[in-house]
Amino acid sequence: MSRAEAGLSAGLALGFAARFGGFTAFLLVAALGAVGWLVGRLVDNGTGPAEFFGRRDGDRDGPDQERLR
């Protein structure tokens, strides 16, 4: 599925949720879509939740901070 088709599917789902379920259903579908997108990104990148949310050792300030010192 291309990104355009995925966007179309998401837009249709949000539209149906807004039309038939009201604003609360719209927000629920949008939130669950965001969670699904995040999980999809993790799976595509081969990254586990610990690596995604965890802190990297030795990179507390970021790569540009050493140049500024």
PDB file of N, CA and C in Angstrom:
ATOM      1  N   MET A   1       0.845  -1.164   0.000  1.00  0.00           N
ATOM      2  CA  MET A   1       0.000   0.000   0.000  1.00  0.00           C
ATOM      3  C   MET A   1       0.900   1.239   0.000  1.00  0.00           C
ATOM      4  N   SER A   2       0.621   2.140  -0.908  1.00  0.00           N
ATOM      5  CA  SER A   2       1.424   3.356  -0.977  1.00  0.00           C
ATOM      6  C   SER A   2       1.020   4.323   0.130  1.00  0.00           C
ATOM      7  N   ARG A   3       1.824   5.353   0.321  1.00  0.00           N
ATOM      8  CA  ARG A   3       1.506   6.342   1.354  1.00  0.00           C
ATOM      9  C   ARG A   3       0.235   7.103   1.015  1.00  0.00           C
ATOM     10  N   ALA A   4       0.000   7.336  -0.280  1.00  0.00           N
ATOM     11  CA  ALA A   4      -1.227   8.024  -0.685  1.00  0.00           C
ATOM     12  C   ALA A   4      -2.453   7.179  -0.352  1.00  0.00           C
ATOM     13  N   GLU A   5      -2.372   5.877  -0.584  1.00  0.00           N
ATOM     14  CA  GLU A   5      -3.494   4.992  -0.255  1.00  0.00           C
ATOM     15  C   GLU A   5      -3.700   4.905   1.245  1.00  0.00           C
ATOM     16  N   ALA A   6      -2.605   4.872   1.998  1.00  0.00           N
ATOM     17  CA  ALA A   6      -2.720   4.843   3.460  1.00  0.00           C
ATOM     18  C   ALA A   6      -3.348   6.138   3.971  1.00  0.00           C
ATOM     19  N   GLY A   7      -2.957   7.254   3.405  1.00  0.00           N
ATOM     20  CA  GLY A   7      -3.545   8.536   3.793  1.00  0.00           C
ATOM     21  C   GLY A   7      -5.018   8.617   3.438  1.00  0.00           C
ATOM     22  N   LEU A   8      -5.372   8.080   2.270  1.00  0.00           N
ATOM     23  CA  LEU A   8      -6.766   8.049   1.867  1.00  0.00           C
ATOM     24  C   LEU A   8      -7.579   7.189   2.828  1.00  0.00           C
ATOM     25  N   SER A   9      -7.062   6.032   3.190  1.00  0.00           N
ATOM     26  CA  SER A   9      -7.751   5.142   4.127  1.00  0.00           C
ATOM     27  C   SER A   9      -7.930   5.815   5.493  1.00  0.00           C
ATOM     28  N   ALA A  10      -6.902   6.465   5.963  1.00  0.00           N
ATOM     29  CA  ALA A  10      -6.992   7.149   7.256  1.00  0.00           C
ATOM     30  C   ALA A  10      -8.002   8.289   7.193  1.00  0.00           C
ATOM     31  N   GLY A  11      -7.991   9.043   6.119  1.00  0.00           N
ATOM     32  CA  GLY A  11      -8.947  10.138   5.958  1.00  0.00           C
ATOM     33  C   GLY A  11     -10.386   9.648   5.895  1.00  0.00           C
ATOM     34  N   LEU A  12     -10.603   8.541   5.182  1.00  0.00           N
ATOM     35  CA  LEU A  12     -11.948   7.972   5.120  1.00  0.00           C
ATOM     36  C   LEU A  12     -12.408   7.481   6.488  1.00  0.00           C
ATOM     37  N   ALA A  13     -11.507   6.815   7.225  1.00  0.00           N
ATOM     38  CA  ALA A  13     -11.862   6.334   8.564  1.00  0.00           C
ATOM     39  C   ALA A  13     -12.210   7.487   9.493  1.00  0.00           C
ATOM     40  N   LEU A  14     -11.409   8.559   9.438  1.00  0.00           N
ATOM     41  CA  LEU A  14     -11.694   9.727  10.281  1.00  0.00           C
ATOM     42  C   LEU A  14     -12.998  10.404   9.872  1.00  0.00           C
ATOM     43  N   GLY A  15     -13.249  10.453   8.566  1.00  0.00           N
ATOM     44  CA  GLY A  15     -14.492  11.051   8.084  1.00  0.00           C
ATOM     45  C   GLY A  15     -15.717  10.279   8.532  1.00  0.00           C
ATOM     46  N   PHE A  16     -15.667   8.941   8.423  1.00  0.00           N
ATOM     47  CA  PHE A  16     -16.786   8.129   8.886  1.00  0.00           C
ATOM     48  C   PHE A  16     -16.972   8.246  10.389  1.00  0.00           C
ATOM     49  N   ALA A  17     -15.883   8.278  11.125  1.00  0.00           N
ATOM     50  CA  ALA A  17     -15.981   8.410  12.578  1.00  0.00           C
ATOM     51  C   ALA A  17     -16.607   9.745  12.954  1.00  0.00           C
ATOM     52  N   ALA A  18     -16.226  10.810  12.271  1.00  0.00           N
ATOM     53  CA  ALA A  18     -16.775  12.130  12.571  1.00  0.00           C
ATOM     54  C   ALA A  18     -18.249  12.200  12.204  1.00  0.00           C
ATOM     55  N   ARG A  19     -18.613  11.593  11.077  1.00  0.00           N
ATOM     56  CA  ARG A  19     -19.998  11.666  10.607  1.00  0.00           C
ATOM     57  C   ARG A  19     -20.946  10.836  11.469  1.00  0.00           C
ATOM     58  N   PHE A  20     -20.571   9.623  11.771  1.00  0.00           N
ATOM     59  CA  PHE A  20     -21.476   8.711  12.451  1.00  0.00           C
ATOM     60  C   PHE A  20     -21.268   8.632  13.958  1.00  0.00           C
ATOM     61  N   GLY A  21     -20.113   9.008  14.442  1.00  0.00           N
ATOM     62  CA  GLY A  21     -19.841   8.858  15.869  1.00  0.00           C
ATOM     63  C   GLY A  21     -19.681  10.158  16.616  1.00  0.00           C
ATOM     64  N   GLY A  22     -19.584  11.248  15.901  1.00  0.00           N
ATOM     65  CA  GLY A  22     -19.406  12.531  16.562  1.00  0.00           C
ATOM     66  C   GLY A  22     -17.932  12.847  16.796  1.00  0.00           C
ATOM     67  N   PHE A  23     -17.713  13.932  17.497  1.00  0.00           N
ATOM     68  CA  PHE A  23     -16.354  14.431  17.693  1.00  0.00           C
ATOM     69  C   PHE A  23     -15.525  13.504  18.580  1.00  0.00           C
ATOM     70  N   THR A  24     -16.149  12.888  19.576  1.00  0.00           N
ATOM     71  CA  THR A  24     -15.412  11.988  20.463  1.00  0.00           C
ATOM     72  C   THR A  24     -14.888  10.780  19.698  1.00  0.00           C
ATOM     73  N   ALA A  25     -15.716  10.217  18.827  1.00  0.00           N
ATOM     74  CA  ALA A  25     -15.272   9.083  18.012  1.00  0.00           C
ATOM     75  C   ALA A  25     -14.168   9.514  17.053  1.00  0.00           C
ATOM     76  N   PHE A  26     -14.272  10.729  16.531  1.00  0.00           N
ATOM     77  CA  PHE A  26     -13.232  11.268  15.652  1.00  0.00           C
ATOM     78  C   PHE A  26     -11.892  11.325  16.381  1.00  0.00           C
ATOM     79  N   LEU A  27     -11.902  11.832  17.605  1.00  0.00           N
ATOM     80  CA  LEU A  27     -10.660  11.916  18.381  1.00  0.00           C
ATOM     81  C   LEU A  27     -10.117  10.539  18.732  1.00  0.00           C
ATOM     82  N   LEU A  28     -11.008   9.599  19.048  1.00  0.00           N
ATOM     83  CA  LEU A  28     -10.573   8.254  19.375  1.00  0.00           C
ATOM     84  C   LEU A  28      -9.915   7.583  18.173  1.00  0.00           C
ATOM     85  N   VAL A  29     -10.526   7.718  17.012  1.00  0.00           N
ATOM     86  CA  VAL A  29      -9.945   7.127  15.799  1.00  0.00           C
ATOM     87  C   VAL A  29      -8.612   7.797  15.464  1.00  0.00           C
ATOM     88  N   ALA A  30      -8.520   9.106  15.636  1.00  0.00           N
ATOM     89  CA  ALA A  30      -7.258   9.801  15.370  1.00  0.00           C
ATOM     90  C   ALA A  30      -6.160   9.352  16.332  1.00  0.00           C
ATOM     91  N   ALA A  31      -6.498   9.183  17.607  1.00  0.00           N
ATOM     92  CA  ALA A  31      -5.502   8.745  18.589  1.00  0.00           C
ATOM     93  C   ALA A  31      -5.044   7.317  18.298  1.00  0.00           C
ATOM     94  N   LEU A  32      -5.977   6.432  18.005  1.00  0.00           N
ATOM     95  CA  LEU A  32      -5.601   5.057  17.694  1.00  0.00           C
ATOM     96  C   LEU A  32      -4.810   4.981  16.389  1.00  0.00           C
ATOM     97  N   GLY A  33      -5.119   5.853  15.456  1.00  0.00           N
ATOM     98  CA  GLY A  33      -4.331   5.912  14.225  1.00  0.00           C
ATOM     99  C   GLY A  33      -2.901   6.349  14.494  1.00  0.00           C
ATOM    100  N   ALA A  34      -2.723   7.284  15.416  1.00  0.00           N
ATOM    101  CA  ALA A  34      -1.374   7.727  15.770  1.00  0.00           C
ATOM    102  C   ALA A  34      -0.591   6.614  16.448  1.00  0.00           C
ATOM    103  N   VAL A  35      -1.255   5.855  17.307  1.00  0.00           N
ATOM    104  CA  VAL A  35      -0.589   4.718  17.957  1.00  0.00           C
ATOM    105  C   VAL A  35      -0.212   3.676  16.907  1.00  0.00           C
ATOM    106  N   GLY A  36      -1.105   3.397  15.977  1.00  0.00           N
ATOM    107  CA  GLY A  36      -0.808   2.451  14.906  1.00  0.00           C
ATOM    108  C   GLY A  36       0.342   2.909  14.042  1.00  0.00           C
ATOM    109  N   TRP A  37       0.409   4.206  13.777  1.00  0.00           N
ATOM    110  CA  TRP A  37       1.511   4.743  12.980  1.00  0.00           C
ATOM    111  C   TRP A  37       2.839   4.557  13.717  1.00  0.00           C
ATOM    112  N   LEU A  38       2.830   4.816  15.022  1.00  0.00           N
ATOM    113  CA  LEU A  38       4.051   4.668  15.816  1.00  0.00           C
ATOM    114  C   LEU A  38       4.517   3.218  15.840  1.00  0.00           C
ATOM    115  N   VAL A  39       3.607   2.296  16.036  1.00  0.00           N
ATOM    116  CA  VAL A  39       3.968   0.881  16.032  1.00  0.00           C
ATOM    117  C   VAL A  39       4.485   0.471  14.660  1.00  0.00           C
ATOM    118  N   GLY A  40       3.852   0.949  13.607  1.00  0.00           N
ATOM    119  CA  GLY A  40       4.321   0.656  12.251  1.00  0.00           C
ATOM    120  C   GLY A  40       5.722   1.185  12.004  1.00  0.00           C
ATOM    121  N   ARG A  41       6.020   2.378  12.491  1.00  0.00           N
ATOM    122  CA  ARG A  41       7.375   2.930  12.351  1.00  0.00           C
ATOM    123  C   ARG A  41       8.396   2.071  13.088  1.00  0.00           C
ATOM    124  N   LEU A  42       8.036   1.619  14.290  1.00  0.00           N
ATOM    125  CA  LEU A  42       8.948   0.780  15.058  1.00  0.00           C
ATOM    126  C   LEU A  42       9.216  -0.534  14.334  1.00  0.00           C
ATOM    127  N   VAL A  43       8.179  -1.127  13.773  1.00  0.00           N
ATOM    128  CA  VAL A  43       8.341  -2.394  13.064  1.00  0.00           C
ATOM    129  C   VAL A  43       9.147  -2.197  11.788  1.00  0.00           C
ATOM    130  N   ASP A  44       8.867  -1.130  11.047  1.00  0.00           N
ATOM    131  CA  ASP A  44       9.604  -0.863   9.806  1.00  0.00           C
ATOM    132  C   ASP A  44      11.083  -0.635  10.055  1.00  0.00           C
ATOM    133  N   ASN A  45      11.404   0.050  11.138  1.00  0.00           N
ATOM    134  CA  ASN A  45      12.799   0.359  11.438  1.00  0.00           C
ATOM    135  C   ASN A  45      13.508  -0.767  12.159  1.00  0.00           C
ATOM    136  N   GLY A  46      12.780  -1.773  12.591  1.00  0.00           N
ATOM    137  CA  GLY A  46      13.383  -2.857  13.354  1.00  0.00           C
ATOM    138  C   GLY A  46      13.797  -2.433  14.745  1.00  0.00           C
ATOM    139  N   THR A  47      13.153  -1.402  15.258  1.00  0.00           N
ATOM    140  CA  THR A  47      13.483  -0.855  16.562  1.00  0.00           C
ATOM    141  C   THR A  47      12.486  -1.373  17.589  1.00  0.00           C
ATOM    142  N   GLY A  48      12.971  -1.788  18.715  1.00  0.00           N
ATOM    143  CA  GLY A  48      12.099  -2.207  19.800  1.00  0.00           C
ATOM    144  C   GLY A  48      11.700  -1.014  20.639  1.00  0.00           C
ATOM    145  N   PRO A  49      10.678  -1.161  21.462  1.00  0.00           N
ATOM    146  CA  PRO A  49      10.240  -0.042  22.306  1.00  0.00           C
ATOM    147  C   PRO A  49      11.333   0.459  23.250  1.00  0.00           C
ATOM    148  N   ALA A  50      12.171  -0.428  23.759  1.00  0.00           N
ATOM    149  CA  ALA A  50      13.226  -0.001  24.688  1.00  0.00           C
ATOM    150  C   ALA A  50      14.225   0.921  23.992  1.00  0.00           C
ATOM    151  N   GLU A  51      14.585   0.592  22.760  1.00  0.00           N
ATOM    152  CA  GLU A  51      15.528   1.442  22.027  1.00  0.00           C
ATOM    153  C   GLU A  51      14.882   2.760  21.618  1.00  0.00           C
ATOM    154  N   PHE A  52      13.587   2.727  21.328  1.00  0.00           N
ATOM    155  CA  PHE A  52      12.911   3.942  20.863  1.00  0.00           C
ATOM    156  C   PHE A  52      12.703   4.933  21.997  1.00  0.00           C
ATOM    157  N   PHE A  53      12.239   4.438  23.156  1.00  0.00           N
ATOM    158  CA  PHE A  53      11.924   5.329  24.269  1.00  0.00           C
ATOM    159  C   PHE A  53      13.078   5.490  25.243  1.00  0.00           C
ATOM    160  N   GLY A  54      14.050   4.592  25.216  1.00  0.00           N
ATOM    161  CA  GLY A  54      15.153   4.642  26.163  1.00  0.00           C
ATOM    162  C   GLY A  54      16.188   5.688  25.792  1.00  0.00           C
ATOM    163  N   ARG A  55      17.012   6.022  26.785  1.00  0.00           N
ATOM    164  CA  ARG A  55      18.085   6.983  26.570  1.00  0.00           C
ATOM    165  C   ARG A  55      19.317   6.259  26.065  1.00  0.00           C
ATOM    166  N   ARG A  56      19.986   6.859  25.120  1.00  0.00           N
ATOM    167  CA  ARG A  56      21.235   6.271  24.621  1.00  0.00           C
ATOM    168  C   ARG A  56      22.378   6.664  25.549  1.00  0.00           C
ATOM    169  N   ASP A  57      23.205   5.710  25.907  1.00  0.00           N
ATOM    170  CA  ASP A  57      24.340   5.989  26.792  1.00  0.00           C
ATOM    171  C   ASP A  57      25.404   6.790  26.053  1.00  0.00           C
ATOM    172  N   GLY A  58      25.908   7.800  26.695  1.00  0.00           N
ATOM    173  CA  GLY A  58      26.992   8.584  26.128  1.00  0.00           C
ATOM    174  C   GLY A  58      26.550   9.659  25.158  1.00  0.00           C
ATOM    175  N   ASP A  59      25.264   9.795  24.918  1.00  0.00           N
ATOM    176  CA  ASP A  59      24.782  10.799  23.965  1.00  0.00           C
ATOM    177  C   ASP A  59      23.746  11.691  24.652  1.00  0.00           C
ATOM    178  N   ARG A  60      24.093  12.143  25.837  1.00  0.00           N
ATOM    179  CA  ARG A  60      23.129  12.907  26.621  1.00  0.00           C
ATOM    180  C   ARG A  60      22.924  14.302  26.070  1.00  0.00           C
ATOM    181  N   ASP A  61      23.985  14.930  25.564  1.00  0.00           N
ATOM    182  CA  ASP A  61      23.873  16.298  25.085  1.00  0.00           C
ATOM    183  C   ASP A  61      23.580  16.388  23.602  1.00  0.00           C
ATOM    184  N   GLY A  62      23.742  15.321  22.876  1.00  0.00           N
ATOM    185  CA  GLY A  62      23.552  15.367  21.439  1.00  0.00           C
ATOM    186  C   GLY A  62      24.870  15.548  20.727  1.00  0.00           C
ATOM    187  N   PRO A  63      24.898  15.297  19.427  1.00  0.00           N
ATOM    188  CA  PRO A  63      26.161  15.349  18.695  1.00  0.00           C
ATOM    189  C   PRO A  63      26.716  16.759  18.515  1.00  0.00           C
ATOM    190  N   ASP A  64      25.863  17.784  18.538  1.00  0.00           N
ATOM    191  CA  ASP A  64      26.341  19.136  18.281  1.00  0.00           C
ATOM    192  C   ASP A  64      26.883  19.819  19.520  1.00  0.00           C
ATOM    193  N   GLN A  65      26.635  19.292  20.694  1.00  0.00           N
ATOM    194  CA  GLN A  65      27.055  19.950  21.920  1.00  0.00           C
ATOM    195  C   GLN A  65      28.580  19.939  22.101  1.00  0.00           C
ATOM    196  N   GLU A  66      29.253  18.898  21.613  1.00  0.00           N
ATOM    197  CA  GLU A  66      30.711  18.855  21.757  1.00  0.00           C
ATOM    198  C   GLU A  66      31.392  19.941  20.939  1.00  0.00           C
ATOM    199  N   ARG A  67      30.851  20.241  19.779  1.00  0.00           N
ATOM    200  CA  ARG A  67      31.445  21.280  18.930  1.00  0.00           C
ATOM    201  C   ARG A  67      31.308  22.654  19.537  1.00  0.00           C
ATOM    202  N   LEU A  68      30.239  22.849  20.336  1.00  0.00           N
ATOM    203  CA  LEU A  68      30.010  24.161  20.916  1.00  0.00           C
ATOM    204  C   LEU A  68      30.874  24.445  22.134  1.00  0.00           C
ATOM    205  N   ARG A  69      31.490  23.426  22.717  1.00  0.00           N
ATOM    206  CA  ARG A  69      32.291  23.621  23.932  1.00  0.00           C
ATOM    207  C   ARG A  69      33.683  24.044  23.618  1.00  0.00           C
TER     208      ARG A  69
END
